[in-house]
C-alpha atoms as a PDB file:
ATOM      1  CA  UNK A   1     108.338 106.833 204.275  1.00  0.00           C
ATOM      2  CA  UNK A   2     110.960 104.738 206.049  1.00  0.00           C
ATOM      3  CA  UNK A   3     110.429 106.489 209.363  1.00  0.00           C
ATOM      4  CA  UNK A   4     106.713 105.756 209.210  1.00  0.00           C
ATOM      5  CA  UNK A   5     107.346 102.129 208.252  1.00  0.00           C
ATOM      6  CA  UNK A   6     109.758 101.665 211.160  1.00  0.00           C
ATOM      7  CA  UNK A   7     107.305 103.372 213.521  1.00  0.00           C
ATOM      8  CA  UNK A   8     104.431 101.135 212.458  1.00  0.00           C
ATOM      9  CA  UNK A   9     106.642  98.039 212.737  1.00  0.00           C
ATOM     10  CA  UNK A  10     107.723  98.965 216.259  1.00  0.00           C
ATOM     11  CA  UNK A  11     104.110  99.653 217.248  1.00  0.00           C
ATOM     12  CA  UNK A  12     102.978  96.272 215.876  1.00  0.00           C
ATOM     13  CA  UNK A  13     105.702  94.429 217.800  1.00  0.00           C
ATOM     14  CA  UNK A  14     104.732  96.234 221.002  1.00  0.00           C
ATOM     15  CA  UNK A  15     101.056  95.354 220.544  1.00  0.00           C
ATOM     16  CA  UNK A  16     101.922  91.741 219.760  1.00  0.00           C
ATOM     17  CA  UNK A  17     104.175  91.473 222.810  1.00  0.00           C
ATOM     18  CA  UNK A  18     101.642  92.971 225.187  1.00  0.00           C
ATOM     19  CA  UNK A  19      98.861  90.776 223.842  1.00  0.00           C
ATOM     20  CA  UNK A  20     100.960  87.632 224.244  1.00  0.00           C
ATOM     21  CA  UNK A  21     102.005  88.692 227.744  1.00  0.00           C
ATOM     22  CA  UNK A  22      98.449  89.422 228.911  1.00  0.00           C
ATOM     23  CA  UNK A  23      96.519  86.597 227.256  1.00  0.00           C
ATOM     24  CA  UNK A  24      98.714  83.809 225.913  1.00  0.00           C
ATOM     25  CA  UNK A  25     101.401  83.389 228.582  1.00  0.00           C
ATOM     26  CA  UNK A  26      99.023  83.121 231.578  1.00  0.00           C
ATOM     27  CA  UNK A  27      96.978  80.434 229.847  1.00  0.00           C
ATOM     28  CA  UNK A  28     100.074  78.383 229.062  1.00  0.00           C
ATOM     29  CA  UNK A  29     101.351  78.797 232.626  1.00  0.00           C
ATOM     30  CA  UNK A  30      98.019  77.713 234.106  1.00  0.00           C
ATOM     31  CA  UNK A  31      97.848  74.751 231.733  1.00  0.00           C
ATOM     32  CA  UNK A  32     101.306  73.577 232.768  1.00  0.00           C
ATOM     33  CA  UNK A  33     100.553  74.051 236.461  1.00  0.00           C
ATOM     34  CA  UNK A  34      97.327  72.050 236.210  1.00  0.00           C
ATOM     35  CA  UNK A  35      99.191  69.229 234.455  1.00  0.00           C
ATOM     36  CA  UNK A  36     102.096  69.352 236.919  1.00  0.00           C
ATOM     37  CA  UNK A  37     104.664  70.324 234.297  1.00  0.00           C
ATOM     38  CA  UNK A  38     107.425  72.932 234.584  1.00  0.00           C
ATOM     39  CA  UNK A  39     106.650  76.260 232.847  1.00  0.00           C
ATOM     40  CA  UNK A  40     109.599  75.787 230.465  1.00  0.00           C
ATOM     41  CA  UNK A  41     107.703  72.833 229.056  1.00  0.00           C
ATOM     42  CA  UNK A  42     105.060  75.193 227.669  1.00  0.00           C
ATOM     43  CA  UNK A  43     107.570  76.971 225.480  1.00  0.00           C
ATOM     44  CA  UNK A  44     108.943  73.859 223.867  1.00  0.00           C
ATOM     45  CA  UNK A  45     105.756  71.832 223.395  1.00  0.00           C
ATOM     46  CA  UNK A  46     102.465  73.708 223.585  1.00  0.00           C
ATOM     47  CA  UNK A  47     103.822  76.729 221.766  1.00  0.00           C
ATOM     48  CA  UNK A  48     105.226  74.517 219.013  1.00  0.00           C
ATOM     49  CA  UNK A  49     101.917  72.666 218.711  1.00  0.00           C
ATOM     50  CA  UNK A  50     100.031  75.941 218.429  1.00  0.00           C
ATOM     51  CA  UNK A  51     102.472  77.125 215.780  1.00  0.00           C
ATOM     52  CA  UNK A  52     101.997  73.995 213.667  1.00  0.00           C
ATOM     53  CA  UNK A  53      98.207  73.727 213.999  1.00  0.00           C
ATOM     54  CA  UNK A  54      97.385  75.850 210.902  1.00  0.00           C
ATOM     55  CA  UNK A  55      99.699  73.717 208.754  1.00  0.00           C
ATOM     56  CA  UNK A  56      98.072  70.507 209.919  1.00  0.00           C
ATOM     57  CA  UNK A  57      94.523  71.796 209.448  1.00  0.00           C
ATOM     58  CA  UNK A  58      95.233  73.153 205.958  1.00  0.00           C
ATOM     59  CA  UNK A  59      96.900  69.849 205.000  1.00  0.00           C
ATOM     60  CA  UNK A  60      93.859  67.886 206.134  1.00  0.00           C
ATOM     61  CA  UNK A  61      91.585  70.245 204.190  1.00  0.00           C
ATOM     62  CA  UNK A  62      93.722  69.892 201.060  1.00  0.00           C
ATOM     63  CA  UNK A  63      93.695  66.092 201.267  1.00  0.00           C
ATOM     64  CA  UNK A  64      89.931  66.002 201.797  1.00  0.00           C
ATOM     65  CA  UNK A  65      89.317  68.259 198.795  1.00  0.00           C
ATOM     66  CA  UNK A  66      90.459  65.523 196.440  1.00  0.00           C
ATOM     67  CA  UNK A  67      92.097  66.000 193.077  1.00  0.00           C
ATOM     68  CA  UNK A  68      95.551  67.471 193.355  1.00  0.00           C
ATOM     69  CA  UNK A  69      95.043  68.296 197.023  1.00  0.00           C
ATOM     70  CA  UNK A  70      97.392  65.508 198.056  1.00  0.00           C
ATOM     71  CA  UNK A  71     100.257  67.021 196.066  1.00  0.00           C
ATOM     72  CA  UNK A  72      99.453  70.456 197.440  1.00  0.00           C
ATOM     73  CA  UNK A  73      99.499  69.160 201.002  1.00  0.00           C
ATOM     74  CA  UNK A  74     102.800  67.348 200.521  1.00  0.00           C
ATOM     75  CA  UNK A  75     104.360  70.501 199.125  1.00  0.00           C
ATOM     76  CA  UNK A  76     103.012  72.610 201.979  1.00  0.00           C
ATOM     77  CA  UNK A  77     104.289  70.229 204.644  1.00  0.00           C
ATOM     78  CA  UNK A  78     107.673  69.974 202.981  1.00  0.00           C
ATOM     79  CA  UNK A  79     107.943  73.754 202.775  1.00  0.00           C
ATOM     80  CA  UNK A  80     106.809  74.223 206.371  1.00  0.00           C
ATOM     81  CA  UNK A  81     109.272  71.610 207.594  1.00  0.00           C
ATOM     82  CA  UNK A  82     112.200  73.427 205.981  1.00  0.00           C
ATOM     83  CA  UNK A  83     111.652  76.462 208.165  1.00  0.00           C
END
């Protein structure tokens, strides 16, 4: 069981790495070049914005739902900010 779990985990990391290398990194590099920014800038800004986008969109959806959505969104943002 453990050998299969480790094998699947390694395979998933390899697929994730190759996908990011082929699709995500070139887009970020081209975006930085078109804006005249150094490529390091992509890693510290655009990547962080892309990482936080689901949290922001789910918070907006929770607030718009009404009721206890405001409390849910505050808890989600607080939890996301701790990591």
